[in-house]
Each structure stands twice: as structure tokens, then as C-alpha cells.
Amino acid sequence: MTRAYLSIGSNIDPEYHVRAAVHALRQRYGSLDLSPVYQNPPVGFEGDDFYNLVAGLETDETAEQLAAACREIETAQGRTRGAERFSARTLDIDLLTLGNEVRDNVPILPRDEILRYAFVLKPLADLAPDERHPVDGRRYGDLWAELAESGDVSRAFQPVSVDLVTPLEP
């Protein structure tokens, strides 16, 4: 089994969609480790705030299989794919890391958003502060501390309370 980390985000009915994502991931993979959920403004466009979190899980699936499972869950939650990279979405689930796997083909691992966006790094650092970035080599907790100290965290983070335990009603 290999440890994988997934970034989960939504800004369309975000509480419902992040809960649905966690429920679907639990059904498929069993036990999950979850970061706190953060609310933050969108990056790259104007719109409603996002809810973001990171989930950790153990899997025997390949990166391609895991990424395909994420796309299936997104589609089941009404995700439409368009030409705009930065836009509102019901659900976005990205494979951040799969063990120490490093790859330049799709899905690219580790995902470059870890080092680029605070809304990805903060929940990952909360969940796995002592794990190391597969390329950079630094601990996620240290990467977050450096980013926070540098003042480059331009977007406000607010932890939000979301019930990620109770299953959704059908």
C-alpha cells in the first residue's frame, strides 16, 4: 500500500460537495485522514469562496487509476470541464502525491500546486507536517512555516466547521 494525498476543493455549494467527496472516497478507499477545512477566496478569478482540505489514504492503485477515480467522483458531483482553468466548480479533487513517486507525465507528481498555492500547502502541512516533498525534500510543515513567515500568504484562511463524518442523506 502507498500513501496518497488528495486536495479537495469546491466553491459551488461547497459544504455539500466536500462532504460528498469525502463520503465517496471513504466508500472506495476506506479510512481517510483529513485536514481541517479552510475557506478562502478564489485564486485567478472573481467568485464565491472555496472550501479546501486534504485527504490522506492508503492505496494499491496506480497514479492513473487514482486520478481516474477522482475524475469519476468529480463528474458524479456535477463537475463540468471547460477551457477555463480558473473558474467556479462543484468539486475539484487533485492527486498531490503518491508515495515518493515523481513523474512528468499526466498525472504529474508531485503536483506543483503544493509549492505554489497556500490553499493546498496549508491543509497538507496540517495533515502531514513531517512528511517530505518528493522533489524539494523539505518537510511540509517547514514549507508552510517558510511561506507564512515570508508574508507571501496573500489570501486569508478561515477554518470552517464541516461535518465530514455523518454520511450525506440520499
N, C-alpha and C. Protein backbone atom coordinates (compact mmCIF):
# COMPACT_ATOMS: atom_id res chain seq x y z
N MET A 1 0.84 -1.18 0.00
CA MET A 1 0.00 0.00 0.00
C MET A 1 0.89 1.25 0.00
N THR A 2 0.43 2.25 -0.71
CA THR A 2 1.16 3.50 -0.83
C THR A 2 0.30 4.64 -0.31
N ARG A 3 0.93 5.58 0.35
CA ARG A 3 0.22 6.74 0.88
C ARG A 3 0.01 7.75 -0.23
N ALA A 4 -1.23 8.21 -0.37
CA ALA A 4 -1.57 9.24 -1.35
C ALA A 4 -2.21 10.41 -0.62
N TYR A 5 -1.98 11.60 -1.16
CA TYR A 5 -2.64 12.80 -0.65
C TYR A 5 -3.41 13.45 -1.78
N LEU A 6 -4.67 13.81 -1.48
CA LEU A 6 -5.56 14.43 -2.45
C LEU A 6 -6.00 15.79 -1.93
N SER A 7 -6.02 16.77 -2.81
CA SER A 7 -6.57 18.07 -2.48
C SER A 7 -8.03 18.09 -2.94
N ILE A 8 -8.92 18.56 -2.07
CA ILE A 8 -10.35 18.61 -2.36
C ILE A 8 -10.80 20.05 -2.22
N GLY A 9 -11.50 20.57 -3.23
CA GLY A 9 -11.99 21.93 -3.16
C GLY A 9 -13.31 22.10 -3.87
N SER A 10 -14.08 23.10 -3.42
CA SER A 10 -15.36 23.42 -4.04
C SER A 10 -15.74 24.84 -3.69
N ASN A 11 -16.38 25.53 -4.66
CA ASN A 11 -16.95 26.84 -4.32
C ASN A 11 -18.39 26.97 -4.82
N ILE A 12 -19.00 25.87 -5.20
CA ILE A 12 -20.42 25.82 -5.53
C ILE A 12 -21.05 24.87 -4.53
N ASP A 13 -21.89 25.41 -3.65
CA ASP A 13 -22.44 24.62 -2.54
C ASP A 13 -21.31 23.81 -1.91
N PRO A 14 -20.27 24.51 -1.44
CA PRO A 14 -19.04 23.82 -1.05
C PRO A 14 -19.17 22.84 0.10
N GLU A 15 -19.98 23.13 1.10
CA GLU A 15 -20.10 22.18 2.20
C GLU A 15 -20.65 20.85 1.70
N TYR A 16 -21.68 20.92 0.90
CA TYR A 16 -22.26 19.69 0.36
C TYR A 16 -21.25 18.91 -0.47
N HIS A 17 -20.55 19.60 -1.38
CA HIS A 17 -19.67 18.89 -2.30
C HIS A 17 -18.41 18.34 -1.64
N VAL A 18 -17.83 19.05 -0.67
CA VAL A 18 -16.67 18.45 0.01
C VAL A 18 -17.11 17.26 0.86
N ARG A 19 -18.30 17.33 1.46
CA ARG A 19 -18.82 16.18 2.21
C ARG A 19 -19.06 15.00 1.26
N ALA A 20 -19.62 15.29 0.09
CA ALA A 20 -19.87 14.22 -0.88
C ALA A 20 -18.56 13.58 -1.34
N ALA A 21 -17.53 14.39 -1.54
CA ALA A 21 -16.23 13.87 -1.97
C ALA A 21 -15.64 12.96 -0.90
N VAL A 22 -15.68 13.40 0.36
CA VAL A 22 -15.14 12.59 1.44
C VAL A 22 -15.92 11.29 1.56
N HIS A 23 -17.23 11.36 1.45
CA HIS A 23 -18.06 10.15 1.52
C HIS A 23 -17.69 9.17 0.39
N ALA A 24 -17.58 9.68 -0.83
CA ALA A 24 -17.24 8.82 -1.98
C ALA A 24 -15.84 8.22 -1.83
N LEU A 25 -14.90 9.01 -1.34
CA LEU A 25 -13.54 8.49 -1.14
C LEU A 25 -13.52 7.41 -0.06
N ARG A 26 -14.28 7.61 1.01
CA ARG A 26 -14.36 6.59 2.06
C ARG A 26 -14.97 5.30 1.52
N GLN A 27 -15.99 5.42 0.71
CA GLN A 27 -16.62 4.22 0.14
C GLN A 27 -15.62 3.45 -0.71
N ARG A 28 -14.77 4.15 -1.41
CA ARG A 28 -13.83 3.48 -2.30
C ARG A 28 -12.56 3.02 -1.60
N TYR A 29 -12.03 3.83 -0.66
CA TYR A 29 -10.71 3.56 -0.09
C TYR A 29 -10.73 3.22 1.40
N GLY A 30 -11.87 3.35 2.04
CA GLY A 30 -11.93 3.07 3.47
C GLY A 30 -11.51 4.26 4.28
N SER A 31 -10.69 4.02 5.29
CA SER A 31 -10.29 5.06 6.22
C SER A 31 -9.52 6.18 5.52
N LEU A 32 -9.84 7.42 5.91
CA LEU A 32 -9.14 8.60 5.40
C LEU A 32 -8.61 9.41 6.58
N ASP A 33 -7.50 10.07 6.37
CA ASP A 33 -7.03 11.09 7.29
C ASP A 33 -7.39 12.42 6.63
N LEU A 34 -7.96 13.34 7.40
CA LEU A 34 -8.45 14.59 6.84
C LEU A 34 -7.85 15.79 7.56
N SER A 35 -7.46 16.79 6.79
CA SER A 35 -7.01 18.05 7.36
C SER A 35 -8.23 18.85 7.79
N PRO A 36 -8.02 19.94 8.50
CA PRO A 36 -9.13 20.87 8.70
C PRO A 36 -9.60 21.40 7.34
N VAL A 37 -10.82 21.89 7.31
CA VAL A 37 -11.37 22.52 6.11
C VAL A 37 -11.15 24.02 6.25
N TYR A 38 -10.67 24.64 5.17
CA TYR A 38 -10.42 26.07 5.15
C TYR A 38 -11.30 26.75 4.10
N GLN A 39 -11.73 27.94 4.43
CA GLN A 39 -12.47 28.77 3.49
C GLN A 39 -11.51 29.86 3.03
N ASN A 40 -11.44 30.05 1.73
CA ASN A 40 -10.57 31.09 1.21
C ASN A 40 -11.10 31.61 -0.13
N PRO A 41 -10.75 32.84 -0.46
CA PRO A 41 -11.19 33.42 -1.73
C PRO A 41 -10.59 32.65 -2.91
N PRO A 42 -11.26 32.70 -4.06
CA PRO A 42 -10.71 32.03 -5.24
C PRO A 42 -9.42 32.69 -5.71
N VAL A 43 -8.60 31.93 -6.42
CA VAL A 43 -7.36 32.43 -6.99
C VAL A 43 -7.51 32.42 -8.51
N GLY A 44 -7.25 33.55 -9.15
CA GLY A 44 -7.27 33.61 -10.60
C GLY A 44 -8.60 34.04 -11.19
N PHE A 45 -9.62 34.24 -10.37
CA PHE A 45 -10.91 34.71 -10.88
C PHE A 45 -11.74 35.25 -9.72
N GLU A 46 -12.77 36.01 -10.04
CA GLU A 46 -13.70 36.51 -9.03
C GLU A 46 -14.80 35.50 -8.86
N GLY A 47 -15.18 35.23 -7.61
CA GLY A 47 -16.26 34.29 -7.38
C GLY A 47 -16.42 34.02 -5.90
N ASP A 48 -17.29 33.08 -5.60
CA ASP A 48 -17.53 32.70 -4.21
C ASP A 48 -16.30 32.01 -3.63
N ASP A 49 -16.19 32.08 -2.30
CA ASP A 49 -15.08 31.44 -1.60
C ASP A 49 -15.10 29.92 -1.79
N PHE A 50 -13.92 29.35 -1.71
CA PHE A 50 -13.73 27.90 -1.77
C PHE A 50 -13.67 27.32 -0.38
N TYR A 51 -14.04 26.08 -0.25
CA TYR A 51 -13.70 25.24 0.88
C TYR A 51 -12.62 24.29 0.36
N ASN A 52 -11.51 24.19 1.09
CA ASN A 52 -10.39 23.33 0.70
C ASN A 52 -9.94 22.47 1.87
N LEU A 53 -9.55 21.26 1.56
CA LEU A 53 -8.96 20.36 2.54
C LEU A 53 -8.09 19.35 1.81
N VAL A 54 -7.34 18.57 2.57
CA VAL A 54 -6.52 17.49 2.01
C VAL A 54 -6.91 16.20 2.70
N ALA A 55 -6.99 15.14 1.90
CA ALA A 55 -7.27 13.79 2.41
C ALA A 55 -6.06 12.91 2.17
N GLY A 56 -5.73 12.10 3.15
CA GLY A 56 -4.67 11.10 3.01
C GLY A 56 -5.29 9.72 3.04
N LEU A 57 -4.79 8.83 2.19
CA LEU A 57 -5.32 7.47 2.12
C LEU A 57 -4.23 6.51 1.69
N GLU A 58 -4.50 5.23 1.93
CA GLU A 58 -3.59 4.17 1.50
C GLU A 58 -4.23 3.47 0.30
N THR A 59 -3.43 3.18 -0.72
CA THR A 59 -3.96 2.55 -1.92
C THR A 59 -2.90 1.70 -2.61
N ASP A 60 -3.40 0.73 -3.35
CA ASP A 60 -2.55 -0.05 -4.26
C ASP A 60 -2.72 0.40 -5.70
N GLU A 61 -3.58 1.40 -5.93
CA GLU A 61 -3.85 1.86 -7.29
C GLU A 61 -2.65 2.63 -7.84
N THR A 62 -2.57 2.65 -9.16
CA THR A 62 -1.56 3.46 -9.84
C THR A 62 -2.02 4.92 -9.83
N ALA A 63 -1.12 5.80 -10.19
CA ALA A 63 -1.48 7.23 -10.28
C ALA A 63 -2.61 7.43 -11.28
N GLU A 64 -2.56 6.73 -12.40
CA GLU A 64 -3.62 6.85 -13.40
C GLU A 64 -4.96 6.39 -12.86
N GLN A 65 -4.97 5.28 -12.14
CA GLN A 65 -6.21 4.77 -11.57
C GLN A 65 -6.78 5.72 -10.51
N LEU A 66 -5.91 6.23 -9.68
CA LEU A 66 -6.35 7.14 -8.62
C LEU A 66 -6.88 8.45 -9.22
N ALA A 67 -6.18 8.99 -10.21
CA ALA A 67 -6.64 10.21 -10.87
C ALA A 67 -7.98 9.98 -11.57
N ALA A 68 -8.16 8.81 -12.19
CA ALA A 68 -9.43 8.49 -12.85
C ALA A 68 -10.56 8.39 -11.83
N ALA A 69 -10.29 7.81 -10.66
CA ALA A 69 -11.29 7.72 -9.61
C ALA A 69 -11.70 9.12 -9.15
N CYS A 70 -10.73 10.01 -9.03
CA CYS A 70 -11.03 11.40 -8.65
C CYS A 70 -11.92 12.07 -9.69
N ARG A 71 -11.62 11.87 -10.96
CA ARG A 71 -12.45 12.45 -12.03
C ARG A 71 -13.87 11.88 -11.99
N GLU A 72 -14.00 10.59 -11.71
CA GLU A 72 -15.34 9.97 -11.62
C GLU A 72 -16.15 10.62 -10.50
N ILE A 73 -15.53 10.84 -9.35
CA ILE A 73 -16.22 11.46 -8.22
C ILE A 73 -16.60 12.89 -8.58
N GLU A 74 -15.69 13.63 -9.21
CA GLU A 74 -16.00 14.99 -9.63
C GLU A 74 -17.20 15.02 -10.57
N THR A 75 -17.19 14.15 -11.55
CA THR A 75 -18.28 14.09 -12.53
C THR A 75 -19.60 13.74 -11.86
N ALA A 76 -19.56 12.80 -10.92
CA ALA A 76 -20.78 12.41 -10.20
C ALA A 76 -21.35 13.58 -9.41
N GLN A 77 -20.52 14.55 -9.07
CA GLN A 77 -20.97 15.74 -8.33
C GLN A 77 -21.23 16.93 -9.25
N GLY A 78 -21.37 16.66 -10.55
CA GLY A 78 -21.76 17.71 -11.48
C GLY A 78 -20.63 18.56 -12.02
N ARG A 79 -19.42 18.14 -11.86
CA ARG A 79 -18.28 18.90 -12.38
C ARG A 79 -18.32 18.89 -13.90
N THR A 80 -18.24 20.07 -14.48
CA THR A 80 -18.11 20.18 -15.93
C THR A 80 -16.73 20.72 -16.23
N ARG A 81 -16.15 20.21 -17.27
CA ARG A 81 -14.81 20.63 -17.64
C ARG A 81 -14.89 21.55 -18.85
N GLY A 82 -14.29 22.73 -18.68
CA GLY A 82 -14.28 23.70 -19.76
C GLY A 82 -12.88 24.16 -20.04
N ALA A 83 -12.77 25.15 -20.88
CA ALA A 83 -11.47 25.67 -21.28
C ALA A 83 -10.82 26.50 -20.17
N GLU A 84 -11.65 27.07 -19.29
CA GLU A 84 -11.10 27.93 -18.24
C GLU A 84 -10.54 27.13 -17.09
N ARG A 85 -9.27 27.33 -16.81
CA ARG A 85 -8.63 26.62 -15.69
C ARG A 85 -9.10 27.18 -14.35
N PHE A 86 -9.20 28.49 -14.27
CA PHE A 86 -9.61 29.15 -13.04
C PHE A 86 -11.07 29.55 -13.16
N SER A 87 -11.94 28.75 -12.56
CA SER A 87 -13.37 29.02 -12.62
C SER A 87 -14.06 28.35 -11.44
N ALA A 88 -15.32 28.73 -11.23
CA ALA A 88 -16.12 28.12 -10.18
C ALA A 88 -16.29 26.64 -10.50
N ARG A 89 -16.40 25.82 -9.45
CA ARG A 89 -16.59 24.39 -9.67
C ARG A 89 -17.30 23.74 -8.50
N THR A 90 -18.08 22.72 -8.85
CA THR A 90 -18.75 21.96 -7.80
C THR A 90 -17.74 21.19 -7.00
N LEU A 91 -16.74 20.63 -7.67
CA LEU A 91 -15.77 19.80 -6.98
C LEU A 91 -14.49 19.69 -7.78
N ASP A 92 -13.39 19.79 -7.09
CA ASP A 92 -12.07 19.61 -7.70
C ASP A 92 -11.28 18.70 -6.76
N ILE A 93 -10.87 17.54 -7.26
CA ILE A 93 -10.05 16.62 -6.48
C ILE A 93 -8.77 16.38 -7.27
N ASP A 94 -7.64 16.76 -6.70
CA ASP A 94 -6.36 16.61 -7.37
C ASP A 94 -5.45 15.68 -6.58
N LEU A 95 -4.81 14.77 -7.29
CA LEU A 95 -3.80 13.89 -6.71
C LEU A 95 -2.54 14.73 -6.51
N LEU A 96 -2.16 14.93 -5.24
CA LEU A 96 -0.98 15.73 -4.92
C LEU A 96 0.29 14.89 -4.93
N THR A 97 0.24 13.76 -4.22
CA THR A 97 1.40 12.87 -4.15
C THR A 97 0.91 11.43 -4.07
N LEU A 98 1.75 10.53 -4.51
CA LEU A 98 1.53 9.09 -4.38
C LEU A 98 2.87 8.51 -3.94
N GLY A 99 3.01 8.35 -2.63
CA GLY A 99 4.30 7.93 -2.08
C GLY A 99 5.35 8.96 -2.46
N ASN A 100 6.49 8.49 -2.89
CA ASN A 100 7.57 9.38 -3.35
C ASN A 100 7.68 9.40 -4.86
N GLU A 101 6.61 8.98 -5.53
CA GLU A 101 6.62 8.90 -6.99
C GLU A 101 6.81 10.29 -7.60
N VAL A 102 7.71 10.36 -8.57
CA VAL A 102 7.96 11.58 -9.32
C VAL A 102 7.76 11.25 -10.79
N ARG A 103 6.89 12.03 -11.44
CA ARG A 103 6.59 11.77 -12.86
C ARG A 103 6.26 13.07 -13.57
N ASP A 104 6.67 13.13 -14.83
CA ASP A 104 6.44 14.32 -15.65
C ASP A 104 5.24 14.16 -16.57
N ASN A 105 4.68 12.95 -16.62
CA ASN A 105 3.51 12.73 -17.47
C ASN A 105 2.25 12.74 -16.61
N VAL A 106 1.11 12.91 -17.26
CA VAL A 106 -0.17 13.04 -16.54
C VAL A 106 -0.54 11.73 -15.88
N PRO A 107 -0.89 11.75 -14.61
CA PRO A 107 -0.86 12.90 -13.72
C PRO A 107 0.56 13.20 -13.24
N ILE A 108 0.92 14.47 -13.30
CA ILE A 108 2.24 14.91 -12.87
C ILE A 108 2.33 14.80 -11.35
N LEU A 109 3.40 14.21 -10.87
CA LEU A 109 3.62 14.04 -9.43
C LEU A 109 5.03 14.43 -9.05
N PRO A 110 5.21 15.09 -7.94
CA PRO A 110 4.17 15.66 -7.10
C PRO A 110 3.53 16.85 -7.81
N ARG A 111 2.31 17.14 -7.48
CA ARG A 111 1.59 18.24 -8.12
C ARG A 111 2.24 19.56 -7.74
N ASP A 112 2.48 20.41 -8.74
CA ASP A 112 3.23 21.65 -8.49
C ASP A 112 2.46 22.65 -7.63
N GLU A 113 1.15 22.50 -7.51
CA GLU A 113 0.36 23.40 -6.67
C GLU A 113 0.77 23.34 -5.20
N ILE A 114 1.41 22.24 -4.78
CA ILE A 114 1.86 22.14 -3.39
C ILE A 114 2.77 23.31 -3.05
N LEU A 115 3.67 23.63 -3.94
CA LEU A 115 4.65 24.69 -3.69
C LEU A 115 4.17 26.06 -4.17
N ARG A 116 3.04 26.11 -4.88
CA ARG A 116 2.57 27.38 -5.45
C ARG A 116 1.41 28.02 -4.71
N TYR A 117 0.56 27.22 -4.08
CA TYR A 117 -0.67 27.77 -3.51
C TYR A 117 -0.80 27.43 -2.04
N ALA A 118 -1.00 28.48 -1.25
CA ALA A 118 -1.17 28.29 0.19
C ALA A 118 -2.39 27.44 0.49
N PHE A 119 -3.44 27.53 -0.32
CA PHE A 119 -4.66 26.76 -0.04
C PHE A 119 -4.46 25.26 -0.23
N VAL A 120 -3.38 24.85 -0.87
CA VAL A 120 -3.01 23.44 -0.98
C VAL A 120 -2.00 23.09 0.12
N LEU A 121 -0.99 23.92 0.27
CA LEU A 121 0.10 23.62 1.22
C LEU A 121 -0.37 23.63 2.67
N LYS A 122 -1.21 24.60 3.05
CA LYS A 122 -1.62 24.69 4.46
C LYS A 122 -2.32 23.43 4.94
N PRO A 123 -3.38 22.94 4.26
CA PRO A 123 -4.02 21.72 4.76
C PRO A 123 -3.10 20.49 4.67
N LEU A 124 -2.22 20.44 3.68
CA LEU A 124 -1.27 19.33 3.59
C LEU A 124 -0.30 19.38 4.76
N ALA A 125 0.17 20.57 5.10
CA ALA A 125 1.09 20.72 6.24
C ALA A 125 0.39 20.39 7.55
N ASP A 126 -0.90 20.72 7.65
CA ASP A 126 -1.65 20.37 8.85
C ASP A 126 -1.75 18.86 9.00
N LEU A 127 -1.98 18.19 7.89
CA LEU A 127 -2.21 16.74 7.91
C LEU A 127 -0.91 15.94 8.01
N ALA A 128 0.12 16.39 7.33
CA ALA A 128 1.37 15.62 7.25
C ALA A 128 2.58 16.54 7.42
N PRO A 129 2.71 17.19 8.58
CA PRO A 129 3.79 18.17 8.74
C PRO A 129 5.20 17.59 8.64
N ASP A 130 5.37 16.32 8.99
CA ASP A 130 6.70 15.73 8.99
C ASP A 130 7.05 14.98 7.71
N GLU A 131 6.08 14.83 6.82
CA GLU A 131 6.39 14.17 5.54
C GLU A 131 7.10 15.16 4.64
N ARG A 132 7.89 14.60 3.72
CA ARG A 132 8.74 15.44 2.88
C ARG A 132 8.24 15.48 1.43
N HIS A 133 8.40 16.65 0.84
CA HIS A 133 8.08 16.82 -0.58
C HIS A 133 9.01 15.91 -1.38
N PRO A 134 8.48 15.10 -2.30
CA PRO A 134 9.31 14.12 -3.02
C PRO A 134 10.45 14.71 -3.86
N VAL A 135 10.34 15.95 -4.28
CA VAL A 135 11.39 16.58 -5.08
C VAL A 135 12.18 17.59 -4.25
N ASP A 136 11.49 18.47 -3.59
CA ASP A 136 12.10 19.54 -2.81
C ASP A 136 12.87 18.97 -1.61
N GLY A 137 12.31 17.93 -0.99
CA GLY A 137 12.95 17.29 0.15
C GLY A 137 12.64 17.89 1.50
N ARG A 138 12.04 19.07 1.52
CA ARG A 138 11.71 19.69 2.80
C ARG A 138 10.39 19.16 3.34
N ARG A 139 10.25 19.24 4.67
CA ARG A 139 9.02 18.81 5.32
C ARG A 139 7.91 19.81 4.99
N TYR A 140 6.67 19.28 4.85
CA TYR A 140 5.54 20.16 4.53
C TYR A 140 5.34 21.21 5.62
N GLY A 141 5.53 20.83 6.88
CA GLY A 141 5.41 21.80 7.96
C GLY A 141 6.41 22.93 7.83
N ASP A 142 7.64 22.61 7.43
CA ASP A 142 8.66 23.63 7.24
C ASP A 142 8.34 24.51 6.04
N LEU A 143 7.85 23.89 4.96
CA LEU A 143 7.48 24.67 3.78
C LEU A 143 6.38 25.68 4.13
N TRP A 144 5.38 25.23 4.91
CA TRP A 144 4.32 26.14 5.31
C TRP A 144 4.86 27.26 6.20
N ALA A 145 5.71 26.92 7.17
CA ALA A 145 6.26 27.93 8.08
C ALA A 145 7.04 28.98 7.29
N GLU A 146 7.81 28.55 6.30
CA GLU A 146 8.57 29.50 5.49
C GLU A 146 7.64 30.41 4.69
N LEU A 147 6.60 29.82 4.11
CA LEU A 147 5.65 30.62 3.33
C LEU A 147 4.93 31.62 4.22
N ALA A 148 4.47 31.16 5.37
CA ALA A 148 3.74 32.04 6.29
C ALA A 148 4.65 33.17 6.80
N GLU A 149 5.90 32.86 7.10
CA GLU A 149 6.84 33.87 7.60
C GLU A 149 7.23 34.87 6.52
N SER A 150 7.22 34.44 5.28
CA SER A 150 7.64 35.31 4.18
C SER A 150 6.62 36.39 3.87
N GLY A 151 5.39 36.20 4.34
CA GLY A 151 4.35 37.17 4.03
C GLY A 151 3.72 36.94 2.68
N ASP A 152 4.10 35.86 1.99
CA ASP A 152 3.56 35.57 0.67
C ASP A 152 2.16 34.95 0.73
N VAL A 153 1.63 34.79 1.91
CA VAL A 153 0.28 34.24 2.04
C VAL A 153 -0.69 35.41 1.92
N SER A 154 -1.11 35.67 0.69
CA SER A 154 -1.92 36.86 0.43
C SER A 154 -3.40 36.60 0.63
N ARG A 155 -3.80 35.36 0.70
CA ARG A 155 -5.21 35.03 0.85
C ARG A 155 -5.50 34.60 2.28
N ALA A 156 -6.57 35.14 2.82
CA ALA A 156 -6.94 34.81 4.19
C ALA A 156 -7.49 33.39 4.26
N PHE A 157 -7.09 32.69 5.29
CA PHE A 157 -7.61 31.36 5.56
C PHE A 157 -8.49 31.43 6.79
N GLN A 158 -9.64 30.84 6.68
CA GLN A 158 -10.52 30.73 7.83
C GLN A 158 -10.89 29.27 7.99
N PRO A 159 -10.56 28.66 9.12
CA PRO A 159 -11.04 27.30 9.31
C PRO A 159 -12.57 27.34 9.43
N VAL A 160 -13.21 26.36 8.82
CA VAL A 160 -14.67 26.26 8.90
C VAL A 160 -15.03 24.89 9.43
N SER A 161 -16.13 24.84 10.13
CA SER A 161 -16.60 23.59 10.69
C SER A 161 -17.51 22.90 9.68
N VAL A 162 -17.08 21.74 9.21
CA VAL A 162 -17.85 20.95 8.26
C VAL A 162 -17.92 19.53 8.80
N ASP A 163 -19.11 18.98 8.90
CA ASP A 163 -19.30 17.62 9.37
C ASP A 163 -18.87 16.65 8.27
N LEU A 164 -17.68 16.08 8.42
CA LEU A 164 -17.16 15.15 7.43
C LEU A 164 -17.33 13.71 7.88
N VAL A 165 -18.08 13.50 8.95
CA VAL A 165 -18.27 12.15 9.50
C VAL A 165 -19.65 11.61 9.14
N THR A 166 -20.68 12.41 9.33
CA THR A 166 -22.04 11.95 9.09
C THR A 166 -22.27 11.77 7.58
N PRO A 167 -22.72 10.58 7.16
CA PRO A 167 -22.99 10.37 5.73
C PRO A 167 -24.08 11.32 5.23
N LEU A 168 -24.00 11.66 3.97
CA LEU A 168 -25.00 12.52 3.35
C LEU A 168 -26.31 11.75 3.20
N GLU A 169 -27.40 12.49 3.27
CA GLU A 169 -28.70 11.88 3.01
C GLU A 169 -28.85 11.65 1.52
N PRO A 170 -29.48 10.52 1.11
CA PRO A 170 -29.63 10.26 -0.33
C PRO A 170 -30.55 11.26 -0.99
